[in-house]
Amino acid sequence: MVSDVGKQGLMQWLLRRLRVKLPFDQNKLYASEILSILLQSSKENQDMFGELDGIDVILQQLAFYKRHDPASSEETEMMENLFNCLCSSLMNAENRERFLRGEGLQLMNLMLREKKQSRNGSLKVLDHAMSGPNGVDNCNKFVDILGLRTIFPLFMKTPKKNRKRMLTVEEHEEHVTSIIASMLKNCKSSQRQRLLSKFTENDHEKVDRLLELHFKYLDKVEEADKQIEKQMKQYLGQDALTDDEIYIRRLDEGLFTLQLVDYIILEACASGASSIKQRVMQILNLRGGSLKTIRHVMREYAGNLGDAEDSDWKYQEQEHILQLVDKF
């Protein structure tokens, strides 16, 4: 039904409504909300959105928020809807190319630098644009436009809490580590070398931060495991959680970010300077951690890579991760 509504001309009308150069009003809010719903779970609508130049329309609307914060909670909601529209549409490979051609990366990068409310949404969009096998071109271009200078300060220090923030500390750290992990998977040649060299800068401060995040999220996962075990004992087999439900809950409680952090550690140790692994070993020894824990996390990650549309990519990724584990 959602895709039928899109076909009946509603999407063109919504995009025209958003394109109108008028001050913010309720109609723009409603249009952004309906468009966000249409794009959420319909591949047909995502395809149509790209064909109707929807990416450019949304980027033009969001450009205003590069240097201005929304003036009201309703305008903030509209801005969030527009970011959600972009995130949903970027599930489509052709839309990622349109986003790249429309200089979406440059706009998101500028938003991250400006420190306005739009920074949170731009982080989510970059994560979607750069992930998976369809993110290769966006990852390499992000390095070319000096995106490393923007993303690593956000990796080193999570912005302080504020009243208007749309992302929690955990969401922020998840998106930033996901972007860095995607670049390590997708960047080639000189772009990859520029990325790896970041981990030796300033006396390996990025490696120190990686290990800080590793222990933070390992603690969260261990606490979640205790709670799950307690719950399972209470049920005594009745209405017990399935293995899939347990795994999803552990991902939500911090395992997903832990997997990303540990993946970055493995890649940096395998392909970067030898001093990176020395620093990792030094901190693990100081804090009573172990290589065995990181290997276990990554083996579990490889075994649960999910239903990637590209099964060849999924198999190659699993093999690559297991090779990294063996080298570690």
C-alpha atoms as a PDB file:
ATOM      1  CA  MET A   1       0.000   0.000   0.000  1.00  0.00           C
ATOM      2  CA  VAL A   2       2.823   2.415   0.895  1.00  0.00           C
ATOM      3  CA  SER A   3       4.421   1.941  -2.552  1.00  0.00           C
ATOM      4  CA  ASP A   4       1.015   2.369  -4.281  1.00  0.00           C
ATOM      5  CA  VAL A   5       0.593   5.740  -2.576  1.00  0.00           C
ATOM      6  CA  GLY A   6       4.037   6.739  -3.863  1.00  0.00           C
ATOM      7  CA  LYS A   7       3.076   5.752  -7.421  1.00  0.00           C
ATOM      8  CA  GLN A   8      -0.102   7.821  -7.361  1.00  0.00           C
ATOM      9  CA  GLY A   9       1.806  11.093  -7.522  1.00  0.00           C
ATOM     10  CA  LEU A  10       1.977  11.805  -3.797  1.00  0.00           C
ATOM     11  CA  MET A  11       5.772  11.708  -3.708  1.00  0.00           C
ATOM     12  CA  GLN A  12       6.120  14.312  -6.494  1.00  0.00           C
ATOM     13  CA  TRP A  13       3.638  16.538  -4.667  1.00  0.00           C
ATOM     14  CA  LEU A  14       5.496  16.186  -1.337  1.00  0.00           C
ATOM     15  CA  LEU A  15       8.842  17.023  -2.950  1.00  0.00           C
ATOM     16  CA  ARG A  16       7.299  20.078  -4.644  1.00  0.00           C
ATOM     17  CA  ARG A  17       5.876  21.148  -1.276  1.00  0.00           C
ATOM     18  CA  LEU A  18       9.289  20.864   0.384  1.00  0.00           C
ATOM     19  CA  ARG A  19      11.033  22.657  -2.479  1.00  0.00           C
ATOM     20  CA  VAL A  20       8.907  25.825  -2.114  1.00  0.00           C
ATOM     21  CA  LYS A  21      11.107  28.652  -0.808  1.00  0.00           C
ATOM     22  CA  LEU A  22       8.870  29.759   2.024  1.00  0.00           C
ATOM     23  CA  PRO A  23       9.665  30.096   5.721  1.00  0.00           C
ATOM     24  CA  PHE A  24       9.053  26.976   7.807  1.00  0.00           C
ATOM     25  CA  ASP A  25       5.367  26.151   8.285  1.00  0.00           C
ATOM     26  CA  GLN A  26       3.207  23.229   9.438  1.00  0.00           C
ATOM     27  CA  ASN A  27       2.729  22.021   5.855  1.00  0.00           C
ATOM     28  CA  LYS A  28       6.463  21.478   5.439  1.00  0.00           C
ATOM     29  CA  LEU A  29       6.514  19.498   8.691  1.00  0.00           C
ATOM     30  CA  TYR A  30       3.631  17.268   7.545  1.00  0.00           C
ATOM     31  CA  ALA A  31       5.189  16.791   4.086  1.00  0.00           C
ATOM     32  CA  SER A  32       8.532  15.737   5.623  1.00  0.00           C
ATOM     33  CA  GLU A  33       6.766  13.340   7.999  1.00  0.00           C
ATOM     34  CA  ILE A  34       4.749  11.598   5.268  1.00  0.00           C
ATOM     35  CA  LEU A  35       7.800  11.390   2.987  1.00  0.00           C
ATOM     36  CA  SER A  36       9.832   9.817   5.801  1.00  0.00           C
ATOM     37  CA  ILE A  37       7.125   7.141   6.294  1.00  0.00           C
ATOM     38  CA  LEU A  38       6.915   6.429   2.536  1.00  0.00           C
ATOM     39  CA  LEU A  39      10.684   5.861   2.325  1.00  0.00           C
ATOM     40  CA  GLN A  40      11.110   3.858   5.523  1.00  0.00           C
ATOM     41  CA  SER A  41      10.480   0.343   4.299  1.00  0.00           C
ATOM     42  CA  SER A  42       9.607   0.482   0.597  1.00  0.00           C
ATOM     43  CA  LYS A  43      12.391  -0.200  -1.903  1.00  0.00           C
ATOM     44  CA  GLU A  44      10.087   0.942  -4.735  1.00  0.00           C
ATOM     45  CA  ASN A  45       9.611   4.316  -3.062  1.00  0.00           C
ATOM     46  CA  GLN A  46      13.353   4.643  -2.409  1.00  0.00           C
ATOM     47  CA  ASP A  47      13.988   4.004  -6.133  1.00  0.00           C
ATOM     48  CA  MET A  48      11.317   6.506  -7.177  1.00  0.00           C
ATOM     49  CA  PHE A  49      12.635   9.109  -4.719  1.00  0.00           C
ATOM     50  CA  GLY A  50      16.052   8.933  -6.401  1.00  0.00           C
ATOM     51  CA  GLU A  51      14.578   9.149  -9.915  1.00  0.00           C
ATOM     52  CA  LEU A  52      12.582  12.268  -8.926  1.00  0.00           C
ATOM     53  CA  ASP A  53      15.802  14.034  -7.770  1.00  0.00           C
ATOM     54  CA  GLY A  54      14.636  13.680  -4.178  1.00  0.00           C
ATOM     55  CA  ILE A  55      18.229  13.517  -2.888  1.00  0.00           C
ATOM     56  CA  ASP A  56      19.000  16.987  -4.307  1.00  0.00           C
ATOM     57  CA  VAL A  57      15.737  18.434  -2.957  1.00  0.00           C
ATOM     58  CA  ILE A  58      16.485  17.199   0.579  1.00  0.00           C
ATOM     59  CA  LEU A  59      20.134  18.334   0.440  1.00  0.00           C
ATOM     60  CA  GLN A  60      19.003  21.822  -0.660  1.00  0.00           C
ATOM     61  CA  GLN A  61      16.526  21.990   2.236  1.00  0.00           C
ATOM     62  CA  LEU A  62      19.104  20.785   4.766  1.00  0.00           C
ATOM     63  CA  ALA A  63      21.795  23.223   3.569  1.00  0.00           C
ATOM     64  CA  PHE A  64      20.079  26.019   5.561  1.00  0.00           C
ATOM     65  CA  TYR A  65      20.767  24.119   8.810  1.00  0.00           C
ATOM     66  CA  LYS A  66      24.498  24.037   8.149  1.00  0.00           C
ATOM     67  CA  ARG A  67      24.845  27.390   9.911  1.00  0.00           C
ATOM     68  CA  HIS A  68      21.442  27.848  11.567  1.00  0.00           C
ATOM     69  CA  ASP A  69      19.666  25.884  14.277  1.00  0.00           C
ATOM     70  CA  PRO A  70      15.903  25.293  13.882  1.00  0.00           C
ATOM     71  CA  ALA A  71      13.854  28.040  15.571  1.00  0.00           C
ATOM     72  CA  SER A  72      11.289  25.729  17.226  1.00  0.00           C
ATOM     73  CA  SER A  73      10.733  22.128  18.307  1.00  0.00           C
ATOM     74  CA  GLU A  74       8.477  21.599  15.266  1.00  0.00           C
ATOM     75  CA  GLU A  75      11.155  22.850  12.884  1.00  0.00           C
ATOM     76  CA  THR A  76      13.651  20.548  14.649  1.00  0.00           C
ATOM     77  CA  GLU A  77      11.258  17.664  13.995  1.00  0.00           C
ATOM     78  CA  MET A  78      11.104  18.575  10.300  1.00  0.00           C
ATOM     79  CA  MET A  79      14.911  18.685  10.081  1.00  0.00           C
ATOM     80  CA  GLU A  80      15.112  15.226  11.721  1.00  0.00           C
ATOM     81  CA  ASN A  81      12.518  13.907   9.238  1.00  0.00           C
ATOM     82  CA  LEU A  82      14.626  15.193   6.322  1.00  0.00           C
ATOM     83  CA  PHE A  83      17.719  13.438   7.689  1.00  0.00           C
ATOM     84  CA  ASN A  84      15.656  10.244   8.116  1.00  0.00           C
ATOM     85  CA  CYS A  85      14.510  10.535   4.477  1.00  0.00           C
ATOM     86  CA  LEU A  86      18.150  10.622   3.378  1.00  0.00           C
ATOM     87  CA  CYS A  87      19.098   7.659   5.602  1.00  0.00           C
ATOM     88  CA  SER A  88      16.246   5.517   4.216  1.00  0.00           C
ATOM     89  CA  SER A  89      16.945   6.470   0.602  1.00  0.00           C
ATOM     90  CA  LEU A  90      20.656   5.587   0.959  1.00  0.00           C
ATOM     91  CA  MET A  91      19.749   1.913   1.336  1.00  0.00           C
ATOM     92  CA  ASN A  92      19.525   2.071  -2.474  1.00  0.00           C
ATOM     93  CA  ALA A  93      22.940   1.783  -4.240  1.00  0.00           C
ATOM     94  CA  GLU A  94      22.018   4.224  -7.043  1.00  0.00           C
ATOM     95  CA  ASN A  95      20.926   6.809  -4.484  1.00  0.00           C
ATOM     96  CA  ARG A  96      24.374   6.603  -2.898  1.00  0.00           C
ATOM     97  CA  GLU A  97      25.838   7.604  -6.280  1.00  0.00           C
ATOM     98  CA  ARG A  98      23.338  10.481  -6.531  1.00  0.00           C
ATOM     99  CA  PHE A  99      24.277  11.560  -2.995  1.00  0.00           C
ATOM    100  CA  LEU A 100      27.964  11.511  -3.989  1.00  0.00           C
ATOM    101  CA  ARG A 101      27.346  13.489  -7.211  1.00  0.00           C
ATOM    102  CA  GLY A 102      25.116  15.977  -5.376  1.00  0.00           C
ATOM    103  CA  GLU A 103      28.017  16.734  -2.984  1.00  0.00           C
ATOM    104  CA  GLY A 104      26.102  15.308  -0.041  1.00  0.00           C
ATOM    105  CA  LEU A 105      29.366  14.253   1.606  1.00  0.00           C
ATOM    106  CA  GLN A 106      30.686  17.815   1.497  1.00  0.00           C
ATOM    107  CA  LEU A 107      27.501  19.179   3.094  1.00  0.00           C
ATOM    108  CA  MET A 108      27.512  16.544   5.870  1.00  0.00           C
ATOM    109  CA  ASN A 109      31.208  17.202   6.523  1.00  0.00           C
ATOM    110  CA  LEU A 110      30.588  20.962   6.843  1.00  0.00           C
ATOM    111  CA  MET A 111      27.683  20.287   9.222  1.00  0.00           C
ATOM    112  CA  LEU A 112      29.961  18.214  11.446  1.00  0.00           C
ATOM    113  CA  ARG A 113      32.420  21.112  11.592  1.00  0.00           C
ATOM    114  CA  GLU A 114      29.834  23.815  12.304  1.00  0.00           C
ATOM    115  CA  LYS A 115      28.706  22.250  15.613  1.00  0.00           C
ATOM    116  CA  LYS A 116      25.042  23.109  15.094  1.00  0.00           C
ATOM    117  CA  GLN A 117      22.125  20.759  15.833  1.00  0.00           C
ATOM    118  CA  SER A 118      22.400  19.371  12.307  1.00  0.00           C
ATOM    119  CA  ARG A 119      25.674  17.673  13.311  1.00  0.00           C
ATOM    120  CA  ASN A 120      23.755  14.754  14.830  1.00  0.00           C
ATOM    121  CA  GLY A 121      21.720  14.046  11.709  1.00  0.00           C
ATOM    122  CA  SER A 122      24.728  14.411   9.418  1.00  0.00           C
ATOM    123  CA  LEU A 123      26.590  11.767  11.445  1.00  0.00           C
ATOM    124  CA  LYS A 124      23.721   9.290  10.908  1.00  0.00           C
ATOM    125  CA  VAL A 125      23.597  10.061   7.172  1.00  0.00           C
ATOM    126  CA  LEU A 126      27.366   9.564   6.747  1.00  0.00           C
ATOM    127  CA  ASP A 127      27.100   6.222   8.550  1.00  0.00           C
ATOM    128  CA  HIS A 128      24.408   5.082   6.069  1.00  0.00           C
ATOM    129  CA  ALA A 129      26.238   6.473   3.015  1.00  0.00           C
ATOM    130  CA  MET A 130      29.553   4.778   3.793  1.00  0.00           C
ATOM    131  CA  SER A 131      28.538   1.349   5.116  1.00  0.00           C
ATOM    132  CA  GLY A 132      28.693  -1.972   3.269  1.00  0.00           C
ATOM    133  CA  PRO A 133      29.980  -2.807  -0.228  1.00  0.00           C
ATOM    134  CA  ASN A 134      28.002   0.073  -1.803  1.00  0.00           C
ATOM    135  CA  GLY A 135      29.858   2.585   0.371  1.00  0.00           C
ATOM    136  CA  VAL A 136      33.269   2.280  -1.342  1.00  0.00           C
ATOM    137  CA  ASP A 137      33.095   5.469  -3.448  1.00  0.00           C
ATOM    138  CA  ASN A 138      31.694   7.547  -0.589  1.00  0.00           C
ATOM    139  CA  CYS A 139      34.397   6.298   1.817  1.00  0.00           C
ATOM    140  CA  ASN A 140      37.254   7.168  -0.540  1.00  0.00           C
ATOM    141  CA  LYS A 141      35.725  10.555  -1.387  1.00  0.00           C
ATOM    142  CA  PHE A 142      35.255  11.349   2.315  1.00  0.00           C
ATOM    143  CA  VAL A 143      39.012  10.958   2.841  1.00  0.00           C
ATOM    144  CA  ASP A 144      39.683  13.120  -0.265  1.00  0.00           C
ATOM    145  CA  ILE A 145      37.563  16.006   1.098  1.00  0.00           C
ATOM    146  CA  LEU A 146      39.585  15.911   4.355  1.00  0.00           C
ATOM    147  CA  GLY A 147      36.813  14.212   6.309  1.00  0.00           C
ATOM    148  CA  LEU A 148      39.372  12.525   8.589  1.00  0.00           C
ATOM    149  CA  ARG A 149      40.099  15.930  10.128  1.00  0.00           C
ATOM    150  CA  THR A 150      36.425  16.174  11.045  1.00  0.00           C
ATOM    151  CA  ILE A 151      35.573  12.650  12.179  1.00  0.00           C
ATOM    152  CA  PHE A 152      38.582  11.914  14.402  1.00  0.00           C
ATOM    153  CA  PRO A 153      38.067  14.840  16.831  1.00  0.00           C
ATOM    154  CA  LEU A 154      34.503  13.489  17.286  1.00  0.00           C
ATOM    155  CA  PHE A 155      35.980  10.028  17.872  1.00  0.00           C
ATOM    156  CA  MET A 156      38.446  11.345  20.445  1.00  0.00           C
ATOM    157  CA  LYS A 157      35.863  13.290  22.411  1.00  0.00           C
ATOM    158  CA  THR A 158      32.113  12.706  22.479  1.00  0.00           C
ATOM    159  CA  PRO A 159      30.368  16.134  22.580  1.00  0.00           C
ATOM    160  CA  LYS A 160      29.001  17.157  25.971  1.00  0.00           C
ATOM    161  CA  LYS A 161      25.349  16.624  26.793  1.00  0.00           C
ATOM    162  CA  ASN A 162      23.076  19.471  25.912  1.00  0.00           C
ATOM    163  CA  ARG A 163      19.385  20.174  25.946  1.00  0.00           C
ATOM    164  CA  LYS A 164      18.985  20.056  22.181  1.00  0.00           C
ATOM    165  CA  ARG A 165      21.020  16.976  21.394  1.00  0.00           C
ATOM    166  CA  MET A 166      19.244  14.339  19.309  1.00  0.00           C
ATOM    167  CA  LEU A 167      21.805  11.564  19.900  1.00  0.00           C
ATOM    168  CA  THR A 168      22.771   9.871  23.159  1.00  0.00           C
ATOM    169  CA  VAL A 169      26.468   9.399  23.996  1.00  0.00           C
ATOM    170  CA  GLU A 170      26.179   5.727  22.984  1.00  0.00           C
ATOM    171  CA  GLU A 171      24.486   6.532  19.649  1.00  0.00           C
ATOM    172  CA  HIS A 172      27.151   9.129  18.880  1.00  0.00           C
ATOM    173  CA  GLU A 173      29.980   6.681  19.632  1.00  0.00           C
ATOM    174  CA  GLU A 174      28.272   3.954  17.592  1.00  0.00           C
ATOM    175  CA  HIS A 175      27.932   6.156  14.481  1.00  0.00           C
ATOM    176  CA  VAL A 176      31.500   7.499  14.686  1.00  0.00           C
ATOM    177  CA  THR A 177      33.083   4.049  15.156  1.00  0.00           C
ATOM    178  CA  SER A 178      30.856   2.645  12.398  1.00  0.00           C
ATOM    179  CA  ILE A 179      32.075   5.349   9.961  1.00  0.00           C
ATOM    180  CA  ILE A 180      35.739   4.618  10.794  1.00  0.00           C
ATOM    181  CA  ALA A 181      35.162   0.839  10.498  1.00  0.00           C
ATOM    182  CA  SER A 182      33.465   1.359   7.094  1.00  0.00           C
ATOM    183  CA  MET A 183      36.447   3.382   5.860  1.00  0.00           C
ATOM    184  CA  LEU A 184      38.839   0.619   6.957  1.00  0.00           C
ATOM    185  CA  LYS A 185      36.734  -1.894   4.997  1.00  0.00           C
ATOM    186  CA  ASN A 186      36.250   0.248   1.901  1.00  0.00           C
ATOM    187  CA  CYS A 187      39.222   2.600   1.459  1.00  0.00           C
ATOM    188  CA  LYS A 188      41.989   1.618  -0.924  1.00  0.00           C
ATOM    189  CA  SER A 189      45.606   2.665  -1.615  1.00  0.00           C
ATOM    190  CA  SER A 190      46.519   6.223  -0.536  1.00  0.00           C
ATOM    191  CA  GLN A 191      43.195   6.880   1.228  1.00  0.00           C
ATOM    192  CA  ARG A 192      43.675   3.757   3.347  1.00  0.00           C
ATOM    193  CA  GLN A 193      47.245   4.766   4.223  1.00  0.00           C
ATOM    194  CA  ARG A 194      46.076   8.231   5.300  1.00  0.00           C
ATOM    195  CA  LEU A 195      43.478   6.587   7.526  1.00  0.00           C
ATOM    196  CA  LEU A 196      45.926   4.118   9.104  1.00  0.00           C
ATOM    197  CA  SER A 197      48.493   6.857   9.780  1.00  0.00           C
ATOM    198  CA  LYS A 198      45.935   8.526  12.090  1.00  0.00           C
ATOM    199  CA  PHE A 199      46.474   5.749  14.648  1.00  0.00           C
ATOM    200  CA  THR A 200      50.134   6.663  15.205  1.00  0.00           C
ATOM    201  CA  GLU A 201      49.591  10.443  15.456  1.00  0.00           C
ATOM    202  CA  ASN A 202      50.170  12.263  18.765  1.00  0.00           C
ATOM    203  CA  ASP A 203      51.777   9.332  20.546  1.00  0.00           C
ATOM    204  CA  HIS A 204      49.050   6.828  19.514  1.00  0.00           C
ATOM    205  CA  GLU A 205      46.225   8.779  21.205  1.00  0.00           C
ATOM    206  CA  LYS A 206      43.622   7.157  18.877  1.00  0.00           C
ATOM    207  CA  VAL A 207      44.778   3.688  20.004  1.00  0.00           C
ATOM    208  CA  ASP A 208      44.400   4.762  23.643  1.00  0.00           C
ATOM    209  CA  ARG A 209      40.865   5.939  22.864  1.00  0.00           C
ATOM    210  CA  LEU A 210      40.033   2.666  21.064  1.00  0.00           C
ATOM    211  CA  LEU A 211      41.027   0.660  24.135  1.00  0.00           C
ATOM    212  CA  GLU A 212      39.084   3.036  26.401  1.00  0.00           C
ATOM    213  CA  LEU A 213      35.963   2.355  24.293  1.00  0.00           C
ATOM    214  CA  HIS A 214      36.748  -1.383  24.192  1.00  0.00           C
ATOM    215  CA  PHE A 215      36.685  -1.632  27.999  1.00  0.00           C
ATOM    216  CA  LYS A 216      33.640   0.648  28.303  1.00  0.00           C
ATOM    217  CA  TYR A 217      31.509  -1.480  25.965  1.00  0.00           C
ATOM    218  CA  LEU A 218      32.931  -4.788  27.202  1.00  0.00           C
ATOM    219  CA  ASP A 219      31.684  -3.831  30.694  1.00  0.00           C
ATOM    220  CA  LYS A 220      28.248  -3.012  29.252  1.00  0.00           C
ATOM    221  CA  VAL A 221      28.027  -6.365  27.445  1.00  0.00           C
ATOM    222  CA  GLU A 222      29.175  -8.327  30.507  1.00  0.00           C
ATOM    223  CA  GLU A 223      26.516  -6.564  32.598  1.00  0.00           C
ATOM    224  CA  ALA A 224      23.873  -7.359  29.942  1.00  0.00           C
ATOM    225  CA  ASP A 225      24.969 -11.027  29.940  1.00  0.00           C
ATOM    226  CA  LYS A 226      24.480 -11.183  33.721  1.00  0.00           C
ATOM    227  CA  GLN A 227      20.973  -9.711  33.408  1.00  0.00           C
ATOM    228  CA  ILE A 228      20.051 -12.148  30.610  1.00  0.00           C
ATOM    229  CA  GLU A 229      21.349 -15.104  32.641  1.00  0.00           C
ATOM    230  CA  LYS A 230      19.325 -13.945  35.648  1.00  0.00           C
ATOM    231  CA  GLN A 231      16.205 -13.632  33.486  1.00  0.00           C
ATOM    232  CA  MET A 232      16.715 -17.107  31.995  1.00  0.00           C
ATOM    233  CA  LYS A 233      16.953 -18.641  35.486  1.00  0.00           C
ATOM    234  CA  GLN A 234      13.701 -16.939  36.494  1.00  0.00           C
ATOM    235  CA  TYR A 235      11.835 -18.357  33.499  1.00  0.00           C
ATOM    236  CA  LEU A 236      13.253 -21.885  33.961  1.00  0.00           C
ATOM    237  CA  GLY A 237      12.588 -22.773  30.340  1.00  0.00           C
ATOM    238  CA  GLN A 238       9.139 -21.159  30.117  1.00  0.00           C
ATOM    239  CA  ASP A 239       8.957 -18.212  27.698  1.00  0.00           C
ATOM    240  CA  ALA A 240      12.749 -18.307  27.568  1.00  0.00           C
ATOM    241  CA  LEU A 241      14.483 -16.036  25.072  1.00  0.00           C
ATOM    242  CA  THR A 242      15.628 -17.618  21.800  1.00  0.00           C
ATOM    243  CA  ASP A 243      19.292 -17.433  20.753  1.00  0.00           C
ATOM    244  CA  ASP A 244      18.424 -14.751  18.183  1.00  0.00           C
ATOM    245  CA  GLU A 245      16.551 -12.666  20.765  1.00  0.00           C
ATOM    246  CA  ILE A 246      19.492 -12.912  23.164  1.00  0.00           C
ATOM    247  CA  TYR A 247      21.957 -11.850  20.455  1.00  0.00           C
ATOM    248  CA  ILE A 248      19.798  -8.868  19.385  1.00  0.00           C
ATOM    249  CA  ARG A 249      19.458  -7.754  22.994  1.00  0.00           C
ATOM    250  CA  ARG A 250      23.237  -7.991  23.502  1.00  0.00           C
ATOM    251  CA  LEU A 251      23.764  -5.930  20.320  1.00  0.00           C
ATOM    252  CA  ASP A 252      21.403  -3.252  21.667  1.00  0.00           C
ATOM    253  CA  GLU A 253      23.163  -3.231  25.041  1.00  0.00           C
ATOM    254  CA  GLY A 254      26.562  -2.387  23.525  1.00  0.00           C
ATOM    255  CA  LEU A 255      27.840  -5.468  21.674  1.00  0.00           C
ATOM    256  CA  PHE A 256      27.429  -3.799  18.260  1.00  0.00           C
ATOM    257  CA  THR A 257      29.727  -0.892  19.193  1.00  0.00           C
ATOM    258  CA  LEU A 258      32.172  -3.297  20.878  1.00  0.00           C
ATOM    259  CA  GLN A 259      32.356  -5.294  17.620  1.00  0.00           C
ATOM    260  CA  LEU A 260      33.064  -2.117  15.624  1.00  0.00           C
ATOM    261  CA  VAL A 261      35.764  -0.981  18.069  1.00  0.00           C
ATOM    262  CA  ASP A 262      37.453  -4.398  18.090  1.00  0.00           C
ATOM    263  CA  TYR A 263      37.275  -4.588  14.288  1.00  0.00           C
ATOM    264  CA  ILE A 264      39.118  -1.241  14.069  1.00  0.00           C
ATOM    265  CA  ILE A 265      41.735  -2.548  16.544  1.00  0.00           C
ATOM    266  CA  LEU A 266      42.321  -5.675  14.406  1.00  0.00           C
ATOM    267  CA  GLU A 267      42.596  -3.720  11.138  1.00  0.00           C
ATOM    268  CA  ALA A 268      44.931  -1.097  12.616  1.00  0.00           C
ATOM    269  CA  CYS A 269      47.173  -3.797  14.144  1.00  0.00           C
ATOM    270  CA  ALA A 270      47.267  -5.875  10.937  1.00  0.00           C
ATOM    271  CA  SER A 271      47.849  -3.069   8.413  1.00  0.00           C
ATOM    272  CA  GLY A 272      49.273  -0.154  10.399  1.00  0.00           C
ATOM    273  CA  ALA A 273      52.686   0.447  11.974  1.00  0.00           C
ATOM    274  CA  SER A 274      54.008  -2.280  14.310  1.00  0.00           C
ATOM    275  CA  SER A 275      53.957   0.255  17.174  1.00  0.00           C
ATOM    276  CA  ILE A 276      50.120   0.144  17.099  1.00  0.00           C
ATOM    277  CA  LYS A 277      49.984  -3.487  18.216  1.00  0.00           C
ATOM    278  CA  GLN A 278      52.695  -2.832  20.811  1.00  0.00           C
ATOM    279  CA  ARG A 279      50.548  -0.048  22.270  1.00  0.00           C
ATOM    280  CA  VAL A 280      47.433  -2.283  22.260  1.00  0.00           C
ATOM    281  CA  MET A 281      49.335  -5.038  24.128  1.00  0.00           C
ATOM    282  CA  GLN A 282      50.728  -2.529  26.615  1.00  0.00           C
ATOM    283  CA  ILE A 283      47.266  -1.150  27.523  1.00  0.00           C
ATOM    284  CA  LEU A 284      45.654  -4.612  27.658  1.00  0.00           C
ATOM    285  CA  ASN A 285      48.370  -5.768  30.085  1.00  0.00           C
ATOM    286  CA  LEU A 286      48.003  -2.639  32.222  1.00  0.00           C
ATOM    287  CA  ARG A 287      44.235  -3.047  32.511  1.00  0.00           C
ATOM    288  CA  GLY A 288      44.090  -6.814  32.818  1.00  0.00           C
ATOM    289  CA  GLY A 289      42.507  -7.280  29.398  1.00  0.00           C
ATOM    290  CA  SER A 290      43.361  -9.984  26.881  1.00  0.00           C
ATOM    291  CA  LEU A 291      43.757 -10.595  23.160  1.00  0.00           C
ATOM    292  CA  LYS A 292      41.595 -13.677  23.656  1.00  0.00           C
ATOM    293  CA  THR A 293      38.547 -11.507  24.488  1.00  0.00           C
ATOM    294  CA  ILE A 294      38.962  -9.427  21.311  1.00  0.00           C
ATOM    295  CA  ARG A 295      39.387 -12.591  19.220  1.00  0.00           C
ATOM    296  CA  HIS A 296      36.213 -14.072  20.734  1.00  0.00           C
ATOM    297  CA  VAL A 297      34.192 -10.894  20.024  1.00  0.00           C
ATOM    298  CA  MET A 298      35.361 -10.872  16.398  1.00  0.00           C
ATOM    299  CA  ARG A 299      34.695 -14.581  15.795  1.00  0.00           C
ATOM    300  CA  GLU A 300      31.153 -14.073  17.054  1.00  0.00           C
ATOM    301  CA  TYR A 301      30.832 -11.010  14.782  1.00  0.00           C
ATOM    302  CA  ALA A 302      32.007 -13.002  11.739  1.00  0.00           C
ATOM    303  CA  GLY A 303      29.517 -15.768  12.528  1.00  0.00           C
ATOM    304  CA  ASN A 304      26.583 -13.340  12.691  1.00  0.00           C
ATOM    305  CA  LEU A 305      27.206 -11.005   9.755  1.00  0.00           C
ATOM    306  CA  GLY A 306      23.520 -11.147   8.833  1.00  0.00           C
ATOM    307  CA  ASP A 307      21.695 -11.472   5.544  1.00  0.00           C
ATOM    308  CA  ALA A 308      23.772  -9.241   3.305  1.00  0.00           C
ATOM    309  CA  GLU A 309      22.153  -8.856  -0.113  1.00  0.00           C
ATOM    310  CA  ASP A 310      25.540  -9.559  -1.673  1.00  0.00           C
ATOM    311  CA  SER A 311      26.347 -13.097  -0.469  1.00  0.00           C
ATOM    312  CA  ASP A 312      29.819 -13.003  -2.101  1.00  0.00           C
ATOM    313  CA  TRP A 313      30.638  -9.863  -0.134  1.00  0.00           C
ATOM    314  CA  LYS A 314      29.367 -11.480   3.070  1.00  0.00           C
ATOM    315  CA  TYR A 315      31.555 -14.568   2.530  1.00  0.00           C
ATOM    316  CA  GLN A 316      34.639 -12.453   1.711  1.00  0.00           C
ATOM    317  CA  GLU A 317      34.031 -10.266   4.760  1.00  0.00           C
ATOM    318  CA  GLN A 318      33.752 -13.326   7.031  1.00  0.00           C
ATOM    319  CA  GLU A 319      36.977 -14.771   5.610  1.00  0.00           C
ATOM    320  CA  HIS A 320      38.747 -11.421   5.990  1.00  0.00           C
ATOM    321  CA  ILE A 321      37.693 -11.052   9.647  1.00  0.00           C
ATOM    322  CA  LEU A 322      38.787 -14.606  10.500  1.00  0.00           C
ATOM    323  CA  GLN A 323      42.169 -13.967   8.823  1.00  0.00           C
ATOM    324  CA  LEU A 324      42.569 -10.800  10.923  1.00  0.00           C
ATOM    325  CA  VAL A 325      41.758 -12.832  14.055  1.00  0.00           C
ATOM    326  CA  ASP A 326      44.403 -15.445  13.136  1.00  0.00           C
ATOM    327  CA  LYS A 327      47.033 -12.721  12.619  1.00  0.00           C
ATOM    328  CA  PHE A 328      46.176 -10.961  15.891  1.00  0.00           C
END
